[in-house]
Amino acid sequence: MASLRSLAYKCLTMEPIELLFLGTGTSAGIPMIGCHCPVCSSPDPRDRRTRPSVVISYGKTRVLVDTTPDLRLQCVDNGVDMIDAVVFTHAHADHIMGLDDVRRFNALRGGPLDVWADAKTFSSLSKCFEYAFREPEPDPKVFRPNLIHRSIQGPFAIGDVEWIPVPLFHGTMPILGFRVGGLAYCTDVNQIPKHRLIC
């Protein structure tokens, strides 16, 4: 049975898809540093919200969407012990700065992880995390992420399921949402341009 923090979707042509919310907070997280408003001061654990990231699962495949600065604890708290790929929506710090933490998944799987990103997002990733996309070191004592860049230029497949990028705007910045079977995931969006919709 899906928990309160996950939603199950069924598509006529495929098995169930599960969306697990790892974080749903603002870019500063909730509570925010130095804020003493009723929400940030609340003792209710539901008012403690980390930065936005999700895991989309189907069959035996688990895909992490965005890598927040809170990623390690998000995975520990939600029992995410393995992922098969990472997909990025955009390159803002609250969505990418936890990328180094995926090295633990490299260690657990004993191999590299595919990282799906459009050209603009990958440009930022390669500046911050250039070391993570190099060829693996022959020295087994070197412990860093082992990532393979996969370019998003249109629909792509992870496992046997197609991912359809959905162009969106975050303010004036073009970003991506994704349609996976009967599920659509769109974060940080203020506008869906009609002329760019992918059906």
N, C-alpha and C. Protein backbone atom coordinates (compact mmCIF):
# COMPACT_ATOMS: atom_id res chain seq x y z
N MET A 1 0.84 -1.19 0.00
CA MET A 1 0.00 0.00 0.00
C MET A 1 0.88 1.24 0.00
N ALA A 2 0.54 2.22 -0.80
CA ALA A 2 1.31 3.46 -0.87
C ALA A 2 1.14 4.25 0.42
N SER A 3 2.24 4.87 0.88
CA SER A 3 2.17 5.70 2.07
C SER A 3 1.49 7.02 1.75
N LEU A 4 1.28 7.84 2.80
CA LEU A 4 0.67 9.15 2.59
C LEU A 4 1.56 10.04 1.75
N ARG A 5 2.88 9.75 1.71
CA ARG A 5 3.81 10.59 0.98
C ARG A 5 4.03 10.10 -0.43
N SER A 6 3.31 9.10 -0.86
CA SER A 6 3.47 8.62 -2.23
C SER A 6 2.11 8.43 -2.87
N LEU A 7 2.11 8.51 -4.16
CA LEU A 7 0.88 8.35 -4.93
C LEU A 7 1.11 7.30 -5.99
N ALA A 8 0.18 6.40 -6.16
CA ALA A 8 0.31 5.37 -7.18
C ALA A 8 -0.57 5.70 -8.37
N TYR A 9 -0.04 5.56 -9.54
CA TYR A 9 -0.77 5.83 -10.77
C TYR A 9 -0.76 4.57 -11.62
N LYS A 10 -1.87 4.30 -12.28
CA LYS A 10 -1.93 3.16 -13.17
C LYS A 10 -2.21 3.64 -14.58
N CYS A 11 -1.52 3.05 -15.50
CA CYS A 11 -1.71 3.37 -16.91
C CYS A 11 -2.24 2.11 -17.59
N LEU A 12 -3.10 2.28 -18.55
CA LEU A 12 -3.70 1.12 -19.22
C LEU A 12 -2.66 0.22 -19.88
N THR A 13 -1.53 0.81 -20.31
CA THR A 13 -0.55 0.03 -21.07
C THR A 13 0.66 -0.38 -20.25
N MET A 14 0.69 -0.07 -18.97
CA MET A 14 1.87 -0.42 -18.19
C MET A 14 1.52 -0.66 -16.73
N GLU A 15 2.52 -1.15 -15.98
CA GLU A 15 2.31 -1.42 -14.57
C GLU A 15 2.23 -0.11 -13.77
N PRO A 16 1.88 -0.20 -12.49
CA PRO A 16 1.74 1.02 -11.69
C PRO A 16 3.03 1.83 -11.64
N ILE A 17 2.86 3.14 -11.55
CA ILE A 17 3.97 4.07 -11.37
C ILE A 17 3.78 4.71 -10.01
N GLU A 18 4.85 4.78 -9.23
CA GLU A 18 4.78 5.39 -7.91
C GLU A 18 5.61 6.66 -7.88
N LEU A 19 5.05 7.71 -7.30
CA LEU A 19 5.73 8.98 -7.12
C LEU A 19 5.94 9.18 -5.62
N LEU A 20 7.19 9.20 -5.20
CA LEU A 20 7.54 9.40 -3.79
C LEU A 20 8.13 10.79 -3.62
N PHE A 21 7.48 11.64 -2.86
CA PHE A 21 7.98 12.98 -2.59
C PHE A 21 9.04 12.90 -1.50
N LEU A 22 10.28 13.24 -1.85
CA LEU A 22 11.35 13.29 -0.85
C LEU A 22 11.35 14.63 -0.13
N GLY A 23 11.02 15.69 -0.86
CA GLY A 23 10.96 17.03 -0.28
C GLY A 23 10.02 17.91 -1.07
N THR A 24 9.35 18.82 -0.38
CA THR A 24 8.37 19.70 -1.03
C THR A 24 8.51 21.14 -0.54
N GLY A 25 9.66 21.47 0.03
CA GLY A 25 9.84 22.80 0.60
C GLY A 25 10.32 23.82 -0.42
N THR A 26 10.53 25.02 0.06
CA THR A 26 11.05 26.10 -0.77
C THR A 26 12.55 25.89 -1.00
N SER A 27 13.16 26.77 -1.79
CA SER A 27 14.60 26.66 -2.04
C SER A 27 15.42 26.85 -0.77
N ALA A 28 14.85 27.51 0.23
CA ALA A 28 15.54 27.71 1.51
C ALA A 28 15.19 26.64 2.53
N GLY A 29 14.25 25.76 2.19
CA GLY A 29 13.78 24.75 3.14
C GLY A 29 12.86 25.38 4.17
N ILE A 30 12.13 24.50 4.86
CA ILE A 30 11.22 24.93 5.93
C ILE A 30 11.52 24.06 7.16
N PRO A 31 11.88 24.61 8.32
CA PRO A 31 11.97 26.03 8.63
C PRO A 31 13.19 26.69 7.99
N MET A 32 13.07 28.00 7.74
CA MET A 32 14.16 28.77 7.16
C MET A 32 15.05 29.33 8.27
N ILE A 33 16.32 29.47 7.96
CA ILE A 33 17.26 30.07 8.91
C ILE A 33 16.78 31.48 9.25
N GLY A 34 16.71 31.77 10.54
CA GLY A 34 16.38 33.11 11.00
C GLY A 34 14.93 33.51 10.88
N CYS A 35 14.06 32.58 10.52
CA CYS A 35 12.63 32.90 10.42
C CYS A 35 11.91 32.34 11.63
N HIS A 36 11.05 33.14 12.22
CA HIS A 36 10.32 32.71 13.43
C HIS A 36 8.82 32.87 13.24
N CYS A 37 8.37 32.76 11.97
CA CYS A 37 6.94 32.81 11.68
C CYS A 37 6.26 31.58 12.28
N PRO A 38 4.93 31.53 12.32
CA PRO A 38 4.24 30.38 12.90
C PRO A 38 4.60 29.04 12.24
N VAL A 39 4.84 29.04 10.92
CA VAL A 39 5.18 27.79 10.24
C VAL A 39 6.59 27.35 10.62
N CYS A 40 7.56 28.26 10.51
CA CYS A 40 8.95 27.90 10.81
C CYS A 40 9.16 27.58 12.29
N SER A 41 8.30 28.09 13.15
CA SER A 41 8.40 27.82 14.59
C SER A 41 7.53 26.65 15.03
N SER A 42 6.80 26.07 14.11
CA SER A 42 5.83 25.03 14.44
C SER A 42 6.52 23.75 14.93
N PRO A 43 5.99 23.12 15.97
CA PRO A 43 6.52 21.83 16.42
C PRO A 43 5.98 20.65 15.59
N ASP A 44 5.02 20.93 14.71
CA ASP A 44 4.41 19.88 13.89
C ASP A 44 5.45 19.39 12.86
N PRO A 45 5.79 18.10 12.87
CA PRO A 45 6.80 17.59 11.93
C PRO A 45 6.40 17.79 10.47
N ARG A 46 5.12 17.97 10.20
CA ARG A 46 4.69 18.20 8.81
C ARG A 46 5.11 19.57 8.32
N ASP A 47 5.53 20.45 9.22
CA ASP A 47 6.01 21.77 8.84
C ASP A 47 7.53 21.80 8.64
N ARG A 48 8.16 20.64 8.69
CA ARG A 48 9.60 20.54 8.39
C ARG A 48 9.70 19.96 6.98
N ARG A 49 10.01 20.81 6.01
CA ARG A 49 9.98 20.39 4.60
C ARG A 49 11.32 20.69 3.95
N THR A 50 11.91 19.64 3.37
CA THR A 50 13.18 19.79 2.68
C THR A 50 12.97 20.20 1.23
N ARG A 51 14.08 20.45 0.53
CA ARG A 51 14.01 20.96 -0.84
C ARG A 51 13.41 19.92 -1.80
N PRO A 52 12.84 20.38 -2.95
CA PRO A 52 12.03 19.49 -3.80
C PRO A 52 12.83 18.47 -4.61
N SER A 53 12.43 17.22 -4.42
CA SER A 53 13.00 16.08 -5.15
C SER A 53 12.01 14.93 -5.04
N VAL A 54 12.01 14.05 -6.03
CA VAL A 54 11.11 12.90 -6.00
C VAL A 54 11.83 11.66 -6.52
N VAL A 55 11.25 10.51 -6.22
CA VAL A 55 11.66 9.25 -6.84
C VAL A 55 10.44 8.71 -7.59
N ILE A 56 10.63 8.41 -8.87
CA ILE A 56 9.57 7.80 -9.69
C ILE A 56 9.96 6.35 -9.90
N SER A 57 9.07 5.43 -9.52
CA SER A 57 9.35 4.00 -9.56
C SER A 57 8.33 3.27 -10.42
N TYR A 58 8.80 2.26 -11.15
CA TYR A 58 7.94 1.35 -11.90
C TYR A 58 8.70 0.04 -12.07
N GLY A 59 7.99 -1.06 -11.87
CA GLY A 59 8.67 -2.35 -11.90
C GLY A 59 9.79 -2.35 -10.88
N LYS A 60 11.00 -2.72 -11.34
CA LYS A 60 12.17 -2.70 -10.45
C LYS A 60 13.03 -1.46 -10.66
N THR A 61 12.52 -0.49 -11.41
CA THR A 61 13.29 0.71 -11.75
C THR A 61 12.90 1.87 -10.83
N ARG A 62 13.93 2.54 -10.30
CA ARG A 62 13.72 3.72 -9.44
C ARG A 62 14.56 4.86 -10.00
N VAL A 63 13.90 5.97 -10.31
CA VAL A 63 14.57 7.12 -10.91
C VAL A 63 14.45 8.32 -9.98
N LEU A 64 15.60 8.90 -9.64
CA LEU A 64 15.64 10.09 -8.81
C LEU A 64 15.52 11.32 -9.70
N VAL A 65 14.60 12.21 -9.38
CA VAL A 65 14.46 13.47 -10.12
C VAL A 65 14.96 14.60 -9.22
N ASP A 66 16.08 15.18 -9.62
CA ASP A 66 16.78 16.26 -8.92
C ASP A 66 17.49 15.75 -7.67
N THR A 67 18.60 16.43 -7.34
CA THR A 67 19.44 16.02 -6.20
C THR A 67 19.62 17.23 -5.27
N THR A 68 18.76 17.34 -4.30
CA THR A 68 18.77 18.51 -3.42
C THR A 68 19.94 18.45 -2.43
N PRO A 69 20.25 19.59 -1.79
CA PRO A 69 21.27 19.57 -0.75
C PRO A 69 20.90 18.66 0.43
N ASP A 70 19.64 18.30 0.53
CA ASP A 70 19.16 17.43 1.61
C ASP A 70 19.11 15.96 1.21
N LEU A 71 19.71 15.60 0.07
CA LEU A 71 19.48 14.28 -0.53
C LEU A 71 19.81 13.11 0.39
N ARG A 72 20.95 13.14 1.06
CA ARG A 72 21.34 12.00 1.88
C ARG A 72 20.27 11.68 2.92
N LEU A 73 19.85 12.69 3.67
CA LEU A 73 18.86 12.45 4.71
C LEU A 73 17.49 12.14 4.12
N GLN A 74 17.15 12.72 2.97
CA GLN A 74 15.88 12.38 2.32
C GLN A 74 15.84 10.89 1.99
N CYS A 75 16.93 10.37 1.45
CA CYS A 75 16.96 8.95 1.09
C CYS A 75 16.92 8.06 2.33
N VAL A 76 17.67 8.43 3.36
CA VAL A 76 17.67 7.65 4.60
C VAL A 76 16.28 7.65 5.22
N ASP A 77 15.67 8.83 5.32
CA ASP A 77 14.36 8.95 5.96
C ASP A 77 13.26 8.21 5.20
N ASN A 78 13.40 8.07 3.88
CA ASN A 78 12.36 7.45 3.06
C ASN A 78 12.71 6.04 2.58
N GLY A 79 13.79 5.47 3.08
CA GLY A 79 14.16 4.11 2.72
C GLY A 79 14.54 3.93 1.26
N VAL A 80 15.11 4.96 0.67
CA VAL A 80 15.56 4.85 -0.73
C VAL A 80 16.98 4.28 -0.71
N ASP A 81 17.08 2.98 -0.91
CA ASP A 81 18.36 2.27 -0.82
C ASP A 81 19.05 2.09 -2.16
N MET A 82 18.34 2.37 -3.24
CA MET A 82 18.94 2.20 -4.57
C MET A 82 18.18 3.05 -5.57
N ILE A 83 18.91 3.61 -6.53
CA ILE A 83 18.31 4.26 -7.68
C ILE A 83 19.00 3.74 -8.93
N ASP A 84 18.32 3.85 -10.06
CA ASP A 84 18.86 3.34 -11.32
C ASP A 84 19.29 4.44 -12.27
N ALA A 85 18.84 5.67 -12.03
CA ALA A 85 19.22 6.81 -12.88
C ALA A 85 18.81 8.09 -12.17
N VAL A 86 19.36 9.20 -12.65
CA VAL A 86 19.00 10.52 -12.15
C VAL A 86 18.54 11.35 -13.34
N VAL A 87 17.47 12.13 -13.13
CA VAL A 87 16.96 13.04 -14.16
C VAL A 87 16.88 14.43 -13.54
N PHE A 88 17.27 15.46 -14.30
CA PHE A 88 17.23 16.82 -13.79
C PHE A 88 16.20 17.66 -14.51
N THR A 89 15.50 18.50 -13.72
CA THR A 89 14.54 19.44 -14.27
C THR A 89 15.20 20.76 -14.66
N HIS A 90 16.15 21.22 -13.84
CA HIS A 90 16.89 22.45 -14.11
C HIS A 90 18.06 22.54 -13.13
N ALA A 91 18.89 23.58 -13.30
CA ALA A 91 20.16 23.63 -12.58
C ALA A 91 20.21 24.61 -11.42
N HIS A 92 19.09 24.97 -10.83
CA HIS A 92 19.16 25.80 -9.63
C HIS A 92 19.78 25.00 -8.48
N ALA A 93 20.45 25.71 -7.58
CA ALA A 93 21.22 25.05 -6.52
C ALA A 93 20.38 24.09 -5.69
N ASP A 94 19.12 24.45 -5.40
CA ASP A 94 18.29 23.58 -4.56
C ASP A 94 17.89 22.30 -5.28
N HIS A 95 18.21 22.18 -6.57
CA HIS A 95 17.89 20.96 -7.33
C HIS A 95 19.11 20.14 -7.72
N ILE A 96 20.32 20.70 -7.56
CA ILE A 96 21.51 19.97 -8.02
C ILE A 96 22.59 19.75 -6.97
N MET A 97 22.61 20.53 -5.89
CA MET A 97 23.80 20.54 -5.04
C MET A 97 24.01 19.30 -4.19
N GLY A 98 23.10 18.36 -4.23
CA GLY A 98 23.31 17.08 -3.54
C GLY A 98 23.86 15.99 -4.44
N LEU A 99 24.28 16.35 -5.65
CA LEU A 99 24.69 15.32 -6.62
C LEU A 99 25.83 14.45 -6.11
N ASP A 100 26.75 15.01 -5.34
CA ASP A 100 27.87 14.20 -4.84
C ASP A 100 27.39 13.01 -4.01
N ASP A 101 26.22 13.15 -3.35
CA ASP A 101 25.72 12.06 -2.51
C ASP A 101 25.32 10.81 -3.28
N VAL A 102 25.14 10.91 -4.59
CA VAL A 102 24.76 9.70 -5.34
C VAL A 102 25.92 8.72 -5.44
N ARG A 103 27.13 9.12 -5.02
CA ARG A 103 28.25 8.17 -5.02
C ARG A 103 27.95 6.94 -4.18
N ARG A 104 27.10 7.10 -3.17
CA ARG A 104 26.72 5.93 -2.36
C ARG A 104 25.97 4.91 -3.20
N PHE A 105 25.14 5.39 -4.13
CA PHE A 105 24.43 4.47 -5.02
C PHE A 105 25.41 3.80 -5.99
N ASN A 106 26.44 4.53 -6.43
CA ASN A 106 27.49 3.91 -7.24
C ASN A 106 28.13 2.75 -6.49
N ALA A 107 28.44 2.97 -5.21
CA ALA A 107 29.07 1.92 -4.41
C ALA A 107 28.15 0.72 -4.25
N LEU A 108 26.87 0.98 -3.99
CA LEU A 108 25.92 -0.11 -3.78
C LEU A 108 25.66 -0.92 -5.04
N ARG A 109 25.65 -0.25 -6.21
CA ARG A 109 25.38 -0.95 -7.46
C ARG A 109 26.65 -1.46 -8.12
N GLY A 110 27.80 -0.98 -7.66
CA GLY A 110 29.08 -1.42 -8.23
C GLY A 110 29.30 -0.95 -9.64
N GLY A 111 28.78 0.22 -9.99
CA GLY A 111 28.94 0.73 -11.34
C GLY A 111 28.39 2.12 -11.49
N PRO A 112 28.42 2.65 -12.72
CA PRO A 112 28.01 4.04 -12.96
C PRO A 112 26.50 4.23 -12.95
N LEU A 113 26.10 5.48 -12.89
CA LEU A 113 24.70 5.88 -12.98
C LEU A 113 24.53 6.80 -14.18
N ASP A 114 23.44 6.60 -14.92
CA ASP A 114 23.10 7.54 -15.98
C ASP A 114 22.48 8.79 -15.37
N VAL A 115 22.89 9.95 -15.89
CA VAL A 115 22.34 11.23 -15.46
C VAL A 115 21.78 11.93 -16.68
N TRP A 116 20.47 12.12 -16.69
CA TRP A 116 19.77 12.73 -17.81
C TRP A 116 19.56 14.22 -17.54
N ALA A 117 20.02 15.07 -18.49
CA ALA A 117 19.88 16.52 -18.35
C ALA A 117 19.94 17.16 -19.73
N ASP A 118 19.25 18.30 -19.87
CA ASP A 118 19.37 19.03 -21.13
C ASP A 118 20.71 19.77 -21.15
N ALA A 119 21.04 20.38 -22.27
CA ALA A 119 22.37 20.98 -22.46
C ALA A 119 22.65 22.07 -21.44
N LYS A 120 21.68 22.94 -21.18
CA LYS A 120 21.90 24.05 -20.25
C LYS A 120 22.14 23.54 -18.84
N THR A 121 21.36 22.56 -18.42
CA THR A 121 21.53 22.00 -17.08
C THR A 121 22.86 21.28 -16.96
N PHE A 122 23.22 20.51 -17.99
CA PHE A 122 24.48 19.79 -17.92
C PHE A 122 25.68 20.73 -17.90
N SER A 123 25.56 21.88 -18.55
CA SER A 123 26.65 22.85 -18.51
C SER A 123 26.93 23.27 -17.07
N SER A 124 25.88 23.50 -16.30
CA SER A 124 26.05 23.86 -14.89
C SER A 124 26.57 22.68 -14.08
N LEU A 125 26.03 21.49 -14.32
CA LEU A 125 26.49 20.31 -13.60
C LEU A 125 27.97 20.05 -13.83
N SER A 126 28.41 20.22 -15.07
CA SER A 126 29.81 19.92 -15.39
C SER A 126 30.77 20.95 -14.80
N LYS A 127 30.27 22.15 -14.50
CA LYS A 127 31.12 23.14 -13.82
C LYS A 127 31.24 22.82 -12.34
N CYS A 128 30.14 22.46 -11.71
CA CYS A 128 30.14 22.16 -10.27
C CYS A 128 30.69 20.77 -9.95
N PHE A 129 30.41 19.81 -10.82
CA PHE A 129 30.71 18.41 -10.54
C PHE A 129 31.49 17.75 -11.67
N GLU A 130 32.43 18.48 -12.25
CA GLU A 130 33.22 17.95 -13.37
C GLU A 130 33.85 16.61 -13.02
N TYR A 131 34.35 16.48 -11.80
CA TYR A 131 35.04 15.27 -11.35
C TYR A 131 34.13 14.04 -11.39
N ALA A 132 32.82 14.23 -11.29
CA ALA A 132 31.88 13.11 -11.23
C ALA A 132 31.63 12.48 -12.59
N PHE A 133 31.97 13.20 -13.66
CA PHE A 133 31.71 12.71 -15.01
C PHE A 133 32.98 12.24 -15.72
N ARG A 134 34.11 12.17 -15.00
CA ARG A 134 35.35 11.65 -15.57
C ARG A 134 35.29 10.13 -15.66
N GLU A 135 36.24 9.57 -16.42
CA GLU A 135 36.38 8.11 -16.45
C GLU A 135 36.68 7.62 -15.03
N PRO A 136 36.20 6.44 -14.66
CA PRO A 136 36.47 5.92 -13.31
C PRO A 136 37.97 5.80 -13.04
N GLU A 137 38.36 6.10 -11.81
CA GLU A 137 39.76 5.98 -11.41
C GLU A 137 40.12 4.50 -11.23
N PRO A 138 41.34 4.12 -11.66
CA PRO A 138 41.75 2.72 -11.44
C PRO A 138 42.01 2.41 -9.97
N ASP A 139 42.30 3.44 -9.18
CA ASP A 139 42.57 3.25 -7.75
C ASP A 139 41.24 3.07 -7.01
N PRO A 140 40.98 1.90 -6.45
CA PRO A 140 39.69 1.66 -5.77
C PRO A 140 39.51 2.52 -4.52
N LYS A 141 40.58 3.16 -4.03
CA LYS A 141 40.46 4.01 -2.84
C LYS A 141 39.86 5.38 -3.17
N VAL A 142 39.84 5.74 -4.47
CA VAL A 142 39.25 7.01 -4.87
C VAL A 142 37.73 6.85 -4.83
N PHE A 143 37.08 7.67 -4.01
CA PHE A 143 35.65 7.52 -3.81
C PHE A 143 34.95 8.79 -4.26
N ARG A 144 34.36 8.75 -5.44
CA ARG A 144 33.63 9.88 -5.98
C ARG A 144 32.52 9.34 -6.85
N PRO A 145 31.55 10.19 -7.22
CA PRO A 145 30.49 9.70 -8.11
C PRO A 145 31.05 9.24 -9.45
N ASN A 146 30.39 8.26 -10.03
CA ASN A 146 30.74 7.74 -11.35
C ASN A 146 29.49 7.88 -12.20
N LEU A 147 29.42 8.98 -12.97
CA LEU A 147 28.19 9.36 -13.66
C LEU A 147 28.40 9.43 -15.17
N ILE A 148 27.38 9.05 -15.90
CA ILE A 148 27.40 9.10 -17.37
C ILE A 148 26.34 10.09 -17.82
N HIS A 149 26.76 11.12 -18.54
CA HIS A 149 25.80 12.12 -19.03
C HIS A 149 24.99 11.55 -20.18
N ARG A 150 23.68 11.64 -20.05
CA ARG A 150 22.75 11.29 -21.11
C ARG A 150 21.98 12.56 -21.47
N SER A 151 22.01 12.92 -22.72
CA SER A 151 21.45 14.20 -23.16
C SER A 151 19.96 14.10 -23.43
N ILE A 152 19.21 15.04 -22.84
CA ILE A 152 17.77 15.13 -23.13
C ILE A 152 17.58 16.06 -24.32
N GLN A 153 17.17 15.47 -25.44
CA GLN A 153 16.91 16.24 -26.66
C GLN A 153 15.50 15.98 -27.18
N GLY A 154 14.75 15.20 -26.44
CA GLY A 154 13.41 14.79 -26.80
C GLY A 154 13.06 13.62 -25.92
N PRO A 155 12.01 12.84 -26.26
CA PRO A 155 11.67 11.67 -25.45
C PRO A 155 12.84 10.70 -25.32
N PHE A 156 12.94 10.05 -24.18
CA PHE A 156 14.01 9.10 -23.92
C PHE A 156 13.45 7.99 -23.05
N ALA A 157 14.16 6.89 -22.94
CA ALA A 157 13.68 5.74 -22.17
C ALA A 157 14.62 5.44 -21.01
N ILE A 158 14.04 5.13 -19.87
CA ILE A 158 14.78 4.59 -18.73
C ILE A 158 14.10 3.27 -18.39
N GLY A 159 14.87 2.20 -18.45
CA GLY A 159 14.25 0.88 -18.39
C GLY A 159 13.44 0.71 -19.65
N ASP A 160 12.23 0.24 -19.53
CA ASP A 160 11.39 0.06 -20.72
C ASP A 160 10.26 1.08 -20.77
N VAL A 161 10.45 2.21 -20.08
CA VAL A 161 9.40 3.23 -20.01
C VAL A 161 9.90 4.53 -20.64
N GLU A 162 9.05 5.14 -21.47
CA GLU A 162 9.40 6.39 -22.13
C GLU A 162 9.14 7.59 -21.22
N TRP A 163 10.10 8.50 -21.20
CA TRP A 163 9.98 9.78 -20.50
C TRP A 163 9.82 10.86 -21.55
N ILE A 164 8.78 11.68 -21.42
CA ILE A 164 8.54 12.76 -22.37
C ILE A 164 8.81 14.09 -21.67
N PRO A 165 9.83 14.84 -22.11
CA PRO A 165 10.08 16.15 -21.51
C PRO A 165 8.95 17.13 -21.82
N VAL A 166 8.57 17.92 -20.85
CA VAL A 166 7.53 18.93 -21.01
C VAL A 166 8.17 20.30 -20.76
N PRO A 167 8.34 21.13 -21.78
CA PRO A 167 8.93 22.46 -21.59
C PRO A 167 8.04 23.34 -20.71
N LEU A 168 8.65 23.97 -19.71
CA LEU A 168 7.95 24.82 -18.75
C LEU A 168 8.75 26.10 -18.54
N PHE A 169 8.17 27.02 -17.78
CA PHE A 169 8.92 28.19 -17.34
C PHE A 169 8.91 28.28 -15.82
N HIS A 170 10.07 28.61 -15.27
CA HIS A 170 10.25 28.90 -13.85
C HIS A 170 10.66 30.37 -13.80
N GLY A 171 9.69 31.26 -13.58
CA GLY A 171 9.93 32.68 -13.83
C GLY A 171 10.09 32.85 -15.33
N THR A 172 11.24 33.38 -15.76
CA THR A 172 11.52 33.49 -17.19
C THR A 172 12.49 32.42 -17.67
N MET A 173 12.85 31.50 -16.79
CA MET A 173 13.84 30.47 -17.11
C MET A 173 13.17 29.22 -17.67
N PRO A 174 13.57 28.76 -18.86
CA PRO A 174 13.03 27.49 -19.37
C PRO A 174 13.54 26.32 -18.53
N ILE A 175 12.63 25.47 -18.10
CA ILE A 175 12.98 24.26 -17.35
C ILE A 175 12.18 23.10 -17.94
N LEU A 176 12.34 21.92 -17.35
CA LEU A 176 11.63 20.74 -17.84
C LEU A 176 10.76 20.12 -16.76
N GLY A 177 9.58 19.67 -17.18
CA GLY A 177 8.79 18.73 -16.42
C GLY A 177 8.85 17.42 -17.20
N PHE A 178 8.25 16.38 -16.68
CA PHE A 178 8.30 15.08 -17.36
C PHE A 178 6.97 14.36 -17.28
N ARG A 179 6.61 13.73 -18.38
CA ARG A 179 5.46 12.83 -18.41
C ARG A 179 5.99 11.41 -18.51
N VAL A 180 5.56 10.57 -17.58
CA VAL A 180 6.00 9.18 -17.51
C VAL A 180 4.74 8.33 -17.43
N GLY A 181 4.37 7.67 -18.53
CA GLY A 181 3.10 6.96 -18.54
C GLY A 181 1.97 7.93 -18.25
N GLY A 182 1.13 7.60 -17.27
CA GLY A 182 0.00 8.46 -16.91
C GLY A 182 0.33 9.50 -15.87
N LEU A 183 1.60 9.64 -15.52
CA LEU A 183 2.05 10.58 -14.50
C LEU A 183 2.74 11.77 -15.14
N ALA A 184 2.47 12.97 -14.64
CA ALA A 184 3.23 14.15 -15.04
C ALA A 184 3.81 14.78 -13.78
N TYR A 185 5.11 15.08 -13.83
CA TYR A 185 5.78 15.75 -12.71
C TYR A 185 6.31 17.09 -13.19
N CYS A 186 5.81 18.17 -12.59
CA CYS A 186 6.21 19.53 -12.95
C CYS A 186 6.51 20.27 -11.66
N THR A 187 7.75 20.76 -11.50
CA THR A 187 8.13 21.46 -10.29
C THR A 187 8.59 22.87 -10.64
N ASP A 188 8.46 23.78 -9.69
CA ASP A 188 8.94 25.16 -9.84
C ASP A 188 8.38 25.85 -11.08
N VAL A 189 7.16 25.53 -11.44
CA VAL A 189 6.60 26.04 -12.70
C VAL A 189 5.60 27.16 -12.45
N ASN A 190 5.71 28.22 -13.24
CA ASN A 190 4.72 29.29 -13.18
C ASN A 190 3.97 29.44 -14.50
N GLN A 191 4.46 28.75 -15.54
CA GLN A 191 3.79 28.85 -16.84
C GLN A 191 4.09 27.62 -17.68
N ILE A 192 3.05 27.10 -18.33
CA ILE A 192 3.19 26.03 -19.31
C ILE A 192 2.86 26.64 -20.67
N PRO A 193 3.85 26.93 -21.49
CA PRO A 193 3.56 27.59 -22.77
C PRO A 193 2.76 26.69 -23.70
N LYS A 194 1.61 27.15 -24.16
CA LYS A 194 0.73 26.31 -24.97
C LYS A 194 1.38 25.84 -26.25
N HIS A 195 2.14 26.70 -26.89
CA HIS A 195 2.72 26.33 -28.18
C HIS A 195 3.87 25.34 -28.04
N ARG A 196 4.29 25.04 -26.80
CA ARG A 196 5.40 24.10 -26.61
C ARG A 196 4.96 22.82 -25.91
N LEU A 197 3.67 22.66 -25.69
CA LEU A 197 3.20 21.45 -25.04
C LEU A 197 3.52 20.20 -25.87
N ILE A 198 3.94 19.15 -25.17
CA ILE A 198 4.19 17.87 -25.82
C ILE A 198 3.10 16.92 -25.37
N CYS A 199 2.32 16.39 -26.31
CA CYS A 199 1.20 15.51 -25.93
C CYS A 199 1.57 14.06 -26.14
